[in-house]
């Protein structure tokens, strides 16, 4: 399972069965974030605190920005991944008859439903209640409030144009950054041969797929060192290095300074 810069809520409360929090968390800025589901049993309510996200489902691709909130119903196949700026957000996964009833009543448009309104406070309150001992009847009310806010602020967004072949390559590499790199696997995911992929890289990007993969790893490493408190061990793990020492050697060879020193220097400049 991918390791992201995320803090999860421990669910402790006894909840109303009509609307209960099954999981919740706070995502800190993370350029490698990517979640894909093929028909989850839970409903997602989320609010973006900073950065940007792409949401894809049913051939539609929409962009979420800071201050936006979105709804993903149960049984929906979707993919969520980081945009140009590393995203942070609060989110809850819900189950129960109440949200299952309200979502089709409030939203007739194709999903994902994205609205320019912040639902950070009610989502944080829902997270707080789910993490407390004892039960709470407030969670169903908060769910209703969030869905109403998103419905009232919703404006249909034109689907983004299809990604270029180069952007598809970049996104596939980002999506699988925690797995060992394979030109053949990357080519299969894009529906082309390995020879075609190598030729495309040489003609359009002036490098090999592996060289590009290494540059993406370096970009993500820089961002994680600047923007997170993740340990060097955690960063090495999420970027598919076998250990901290291999990551340190990789980073130092390309940046001229060890990652720990790079982090200190970047923070001193702020």
Protein backbone atom coordinates (compact mmCIF):
# COMPACT_ATOMS: atom_id res chain seq x y z
CA UNK A 1 0.00 0.00 0.00
CA UNK A 2 1.47 3.43 -0.92
CA UNK A 3 2.84 5.55 1.94
CA UNK A 4 1.67 9.14 1.73
CA UNK A 5 2.24 12.16 3.96
CA UNK A 6 -1.03 11.54 5.73
CA UNK A 7 -2.37 11.45 9.30
CA UNK A 8 -5.35 9.19 9.96
CA UNK A 9 -8.04 9.50 12.61
CA UNK A 10 -8.50 6.55 14.96
CA UNK A 11 -12.24 5.88 14.90
CA UNK A 12 -13.44 5.42 18.49
CA UNK A 13 -17.04 6.63 18.68
CA UNK A 14 -20.21 4.57 18.57
CA UNK A 15 -21.98 6.17 15.62
CA UNK A 16 -25.49 6.46 14.24
CA UNK A 17 -25.85 3.65 11.71
CA UNK A 18 -27.62 6.00 9.29
CA UNK A 19 -24.36 7.89 8.71
CA UNK A 20 -21.05 6.75 10.13
CA UNK A 21 -17.42 7.66 9.53
CA UNK A 22 -15.47 4.60 8.43
CA UNK A 23 -12.14 6.39 7.85
CA UNK A 24 -10.83 9.96 7.95
CA UNK A 25 -7.58 11.79 7.62
CA UNK A 26 -5.49 14.85 6.89
CA UNK A 27 -3.23 14.77 3.82
CA UNK A 28 -0.20 17.03 4.12
CA UNK A 29 1.29 18.45 0.87
CA UNK A 30 2.37 15.44 -1.17
CA UNK A 31 3.41 15.55 -4.86
CA UNK A 32 3.20 11.75 -5.20
CA UNK A 33 -0.38 11.39 -3.97
CA UNK A 34 -2.55 9.03 -6.03
CA UNK A 35 -5.60 6.99 -5.03
CA UNK A 36 -7.50 4.69 -7.39
CA UNK A 37 -10.69 2.80 -6.55
CA UNK A 38 -12.80 0.40 -8.58
CA UNK A 39 -16.16 0.66 -6.84
CA UNK A 40 -15.50 1.41 -3.16
CA UNK A 41 -18.27 0.78 -0.64
CA UNK A 42 -17.72 4.18 0.98
CA UNK A 43 -18.64 7.76 0.09
CA UNK A 44 -15.86 10.38 0.03
CA UNK A 45 -16.32 13.96 1.22
CA UNK A 46 -13.17 16.09 0.99
CA UNK A 47 -12.00 19.69 1.06
CA UNK A 48 -8.74 20.89 -0.48
CA UNK A 49 -6.63 23.04 1.86
CA UNK A 50 -3.83 23.88 -0.56
CA UNK A 51 -2.32 22.87 -3.88
CA UNK A 52 -4.26 21.12 -6.63
CA UNK A 53 -5.73 17.73 -7.48
CA UNK A 54 -7.02 15.94 -10.56
CA UNK A 55 -10.16 13.84 -10.25
CA UNK A 56 -11.00 11.30 -12.97
CA UNK A 57 -14.08 9.13 -13.41
CA UNK A 58 -16.10 7.85 -16.34
CA UNK A 59 -13.88 9.57 -18.89
CA UNK A 60 -14.20 12.96 -17.14
CA UNK A 61 -11.22 14.78 -15.65
CA UNK A 62 -11.70 17.87 -13.48
CA UNK A 63 -9.25 20.00 -11.53
CA UNK A 64 -9.69 20.81 -7.83
CA UNK A 65 -7.94 23.86 -6.35
CA UNK A 66 -7.43 25.28 -2.89
CA UNK A 67 -10.82 25.99 -1.27
CA UNK A 68 -12.72 23.44 -3.39
CA UNK A 69 -14.68 20.50 -1.99
CA UNK A 70 -15.86 17.34 -3.71
CA UNK A 71 -18.14 14.30 -3.41
CA UNK A 72 -17.43 10.79 -4.66
CA UNK A 73 -20.33 8.34 -4.19
CA UNK A 74 -19.99 4.68 -3.34
CA UNK A 75 -19.57 2.12 -6.14
CA UNK A 76 -17.84 4.70 -8.34
CA UNK A 77 -14.61 3.88 -10.18
CA UNK A 78 -12.31 6.89 -9.83
CA UNK A 79 -8.74 8.12 -9.63
CA UNK A 80 -7.43 11.09 -7.63
CA UNK A 81 -3.88 12.36 -8.06
CA UNK A 82 -1.69 15.35 -7.29
CA UNK A 83 -1.75 18.34 -9.61
CA UNK A 84 1.05 20.76 -10.38
CA UNK A 85 1.18 21.99 -6.77
CA UNK A 86 1.34 19.32 -4.01
CA UNK A 87 -2.14 18.98 -2.45
CA UNK A 88 -3.24 18.93 1.16
CA UNK A 89 -6.81 18.14 2.21
CA UNK A 90 -9.14 16.88 4.90
CA UNK A 91 -11.35 13.93 4.01
CA UNK A 92 -13.84 11.44 5.42
CA UNK A 93 -15.14 8.12 4.11
CA UNK A 94 -18.78 7.55 5.04
CA UNK A 95 -21.22 4.66 5.08
CA UNK A 96 -24.93 4.63 5.81
CA UNK A 97 -28.43 5.05 4.45
CA UNK A 98 -28.55 8.86 4.88
CA UNK A 99 -25.73 9.86 2.47
CA UNK A 100 -26.78 7.08 0.08
CA UNK A 101 -30.25 8.65 -0.03
CA UNK A 102 -29.19 12.30 -0.20
CA UNK A 103 -26.50 12.09 -2.90
CA UNK A 104 -28.78 11.02 -5.80
CA UNK A 105 -31.42 13.52 -4.63
CA UNK A 106 -28.98 16.44 -4.61
CA UNK A 107 -26.76 15.59 -7.59
CA UNK A 108 -27.89 14.47 -11.03
CA UNK A 109 -24.70 15.48 -12.86
CA UNK A 110 -21.91 13.02 -13.71
CA UNK A 111 -19.42 12.50 -10.91
CA UNK A 112 -17.04 13.63 -9.55
CA UNK A 113 -19.01 16.59 -8.12
CA UNK A 114 -16.66 19.49 -7.43
CA UNK A 115 -17.66 22.87 -5.97
CA UNK A 116 -15.85 26.10 -5.17
CA UNK A 117 -16.66 26.07 -1.46
CA UNK A 118 -14.62 25.11 1.58
CA UNK A 119 -16.09 22.41 3.83
CA UNK A 120 -12.94 22.21 5.95
CA UNK A 121 -14.61 23.11 9.26
CA UNK A 122 -17.55 20.66 9.16
CA UNK A 123 -15.26 17.88 7.90
CA UNK A 124 -12.77 18.58 10.70
CA UNK A 125 -15.64 18.53 13.20
CA UNK A 126 -16.81 15.18 11.82
CA UNK A 127 -13.26 13.84 12.18
CA UNK A 128 -13.08 15.11 15.76
CA UNK A 129 -16.38 13.45 16.72
CA UNK A 130 -15.42 10.14 15.11
CA UNK A 131 -12.20 10.10 17.14
CA UNK A 132 -13.90 10.68 20.49
CA UNK A 133 -15.14 8.05 22.91
CA UNK A 134 -18.92 7.70 23.06
CA UNK A 135 -21.53 8.28 20.40
CA UNK A 136 -22.65 11.44 18.58
CA UNK A 137 -25.83 12.34 16.74
CA UNK A 138 -24.05 15.33 15.15
CA UNK A 139 -22.31 13.35 12.39
CA UNK A 140 -25.47 12.86 10.25
CA UNK A 141 -26.25 16.59 10.60
CA UNK A 142 -22.74 17.52 9.49
CA UNK A 143 -23.02 15.18 6.50
CA UNK A 144 -26.25 16.88 5.47
CA UNK A 145 -24.67 20.32 5.91
CA UNK A 146 -21.64 19.43 3.77
CA UNK A 147 -23.75 17.98 0.96
CA UNK A 148 -26.00 21.05 0.95
CA UNK A 149 -22.99 23.39 0.82
CA UNK A 150 -21.50 21.52 -2.14
CA UNK A 151 -24.85 21.36 -3.92
CA UNK A 152 -25.49 25.09 -3.48
CA UNK A 153 -21.99 26.05 -4.70
CA UNK A 154 -21.79 23.51 -7.52
CA UNK A 155 -21.29 24.81 -11.04
CA UNK A 156 -20.70 22.32 -13.87
CA UNK A 157 -17.04 22.33 -14.93
CA UNK A 158 -16.01 21.59 -18.47
CA UNK A 159 -14.00 18.41 -18.66
CA UNK A 160 -10.30 18.97 -19.14
CA UNK A 161 -8.87 18.05 -22.53
CA UNK A 162 -7.21 14.65 -22.85
CA UNK A 163 -3.63 14.53 -21.66
CA UNK A 164 -0.83 14.61 -24.19
CA UNK A 165 1.25 11.48 -24.59
CA UNK A 166 4.08 13.14 -22.66
CA UNK A 167 1.77 14.03 -19.76
CA UNK A 168 0.41 10.48 -19.72
CA UNK A 169 3.96 9.19 -19.41
CA UNK A 170 4.71 11.60 -16.58
CA UNK A 171 1.53 10.69 -14.73
CA UNK A 172 2.11 6.94 -15.08
CA UNK A 173 5.60 7.33 -13.65
CA UNK A 174 4.23 9.39 -10.75
CA UNK A 175 1.50 6.84 -10.09
CA UNK A 176 4.00 3.98 -9.84
CA UNK A 177 6.89 5.86 -8.25
CA UNK A 178 6.93 3.47 -5.26
CA UNK A 179 7.43 0.40 -7.44
CA UNK A 180 10.67 -0.70 -9.13
CA UNK A 181 10.95 0.92 -12.55
CA UNK A 182 10.30 -1.15 -15.68
CA UNK A 183 10.20 0.19 -19.25
CA UNK A 184 8.07 -2.79 -20.27
CA UNK A 185 5.50 -2.16 -17.50
CA UNK A 186 5.35 1.55 -18.36
CA UNK A 187 4.86 0.75 -22.06
CA UNK A 188 2.05 -1.73 -21.25
CA UNK A 189 0.25 0.84 -19.10
CA UNK A 190 0.30 3.26 -22.07
CA UNK A 191 -0.72 0.66 -24.65
CA UNK A 192 2.50 0.89 -26.71
CA UNK A 193 5.57 -1.24 -27.25
CA UNK A 194 8.79 -0.68 -25.31
CA UNK A 195 10.52 0.26 -28.59
CA UNK A 196 7.88 2.91 -29.35
CA UNK A 197 8.18 4.30 -25.84
CA UNK A 198 11.98 4.53 -26.04
CA UNK A 199 11.77 6.25 -29.43
CA UNK A 200 9.17 8.74 -28.16
CA UNK A 201 11.37 9.65 -25.21
CA UNK A 202 14.41 10.20 -27.41
CA UNK A 203 12.50 12.30 -29.95
CA UNK A 204 10.37 14.39 -27.59
CA UNK A 205 12.22 14.51 -24.28
CA UNK A 206 15.82 13.90 -25.30
CA UNK A 207 16.41 11.18 -22.71
CA UNK A 208 15.65 7.55 -21.94
CA UNK A 209 12.59 6.50 -19.89
CA UNK A 210 14.88 5.54 -17.00
CA UNK A 211 16.63 8.91 -17.03
CA UNK A 212 13.27 10.63 -16.95
CA UNK A 213 12.13 8.38 -14.09
CA UNK A 214 15.22 9.38 -12.12
CA UNK A 215 14.50 13.07 -12.73
CA UNK A 216 10.94 12.62 -11.45
CA UNK A 217 12.28 10.85 -8.35
CA UNK A 218 14.65 13.76 -7.73
CA UNK A 219 11.88 16.36 -8.14
CA UNK A 220 9.66 14.51 -5.65
CA UNK A 221 12.54 14.08 -3.21
CA UNK A 222 13.25 17.83 -3.29
CA UNK A 223 9.56 18.61 -2.69
CA UNK A 224 9.23 16.14 0.20
CA UNK A 225 12.39 17.50 1.84
CA UNK A 226 11.17 21.09 1.51
CA UNK A 227 7.50 20.63 2.38
CA UNK A 228 7.22 17.69 4.79
CA UNK A 229 8.72 16.41 8.03
CA UNK A 230 9.02 12.86 6.67
CA UNK A 231 12.17 11.05 7.76
CA UNK A 232 14.82 10.16 5.22
CA UNK A 233 13.85 6.51 5.72
CA UNK A 234 10.21 7.27 4.80
CA UNK A 235 11.22 9.29 1.73
CA UNK A 236 13.55 6.52 0.61
CA UNK A 237 10.74 3.96 0.99
CA UNK A 238 8.15 5.91 -0.95
CA UNK A 239 10.61 6.56 -3.79
CA UNK A 240 11.54 2.86 -4.04
CA UNK A 241 15.09 3.10 -2.71
CA UNK A 242 16.19 0.02 -0.80
CA UNK A 243 17.31 2.09 2.19
CA UNK A 244 18.28 5.55 3.43
CA UNK A 245 21.93 5.15 2.37
CA UNK A 246 21.04 4.48 -1.27
CA UNK A 247 18.69 7.47 -1.28
CA UNK A 248 21.37 9.71 0.26
CA UNK A 249 23.94 8.63 -2.33
CA UNK A 250 21.45 9.21 -5.20
CA UNK A 251 20.47 12.67 -3.95
CA UNK A 252 24.02 13.80 -3.13
CA UNK A 253 25.34 12.77 -6.55
CA UNK A 254 22.74 14.97 -8.29
CA UNK A 255 22.35 17.91 -5.91
CA UNK A 256 25.89 18.15 -4.55
CA UNK A 257 24.67 18.10 -0.93
CA UNK A 258 23.19 15.33 1.26
CA UNK A 259 19.40 15.42 1.69
CA UNK A 260 19.54 16.36 5.39
CA UNK A 261 21.69 19.40 4.60
CA UNK A 262 19.46 20.32 1.64
CA UNK A 263 16.43 20.30 3.98
CA UNK A 264 18.17 22.52 6.53
CA UNK A 265 19.26 25.01 3.88
CA UNK A 266 15.80 25.20 2.29
CA UNK A 267 14.17 25.82 5.66
CA UNK A 268 16.76 28.47 6.58
CA UNK A 269 15.79 30.43 3.43
CA UNK A 270 12.13 30.68 4.45
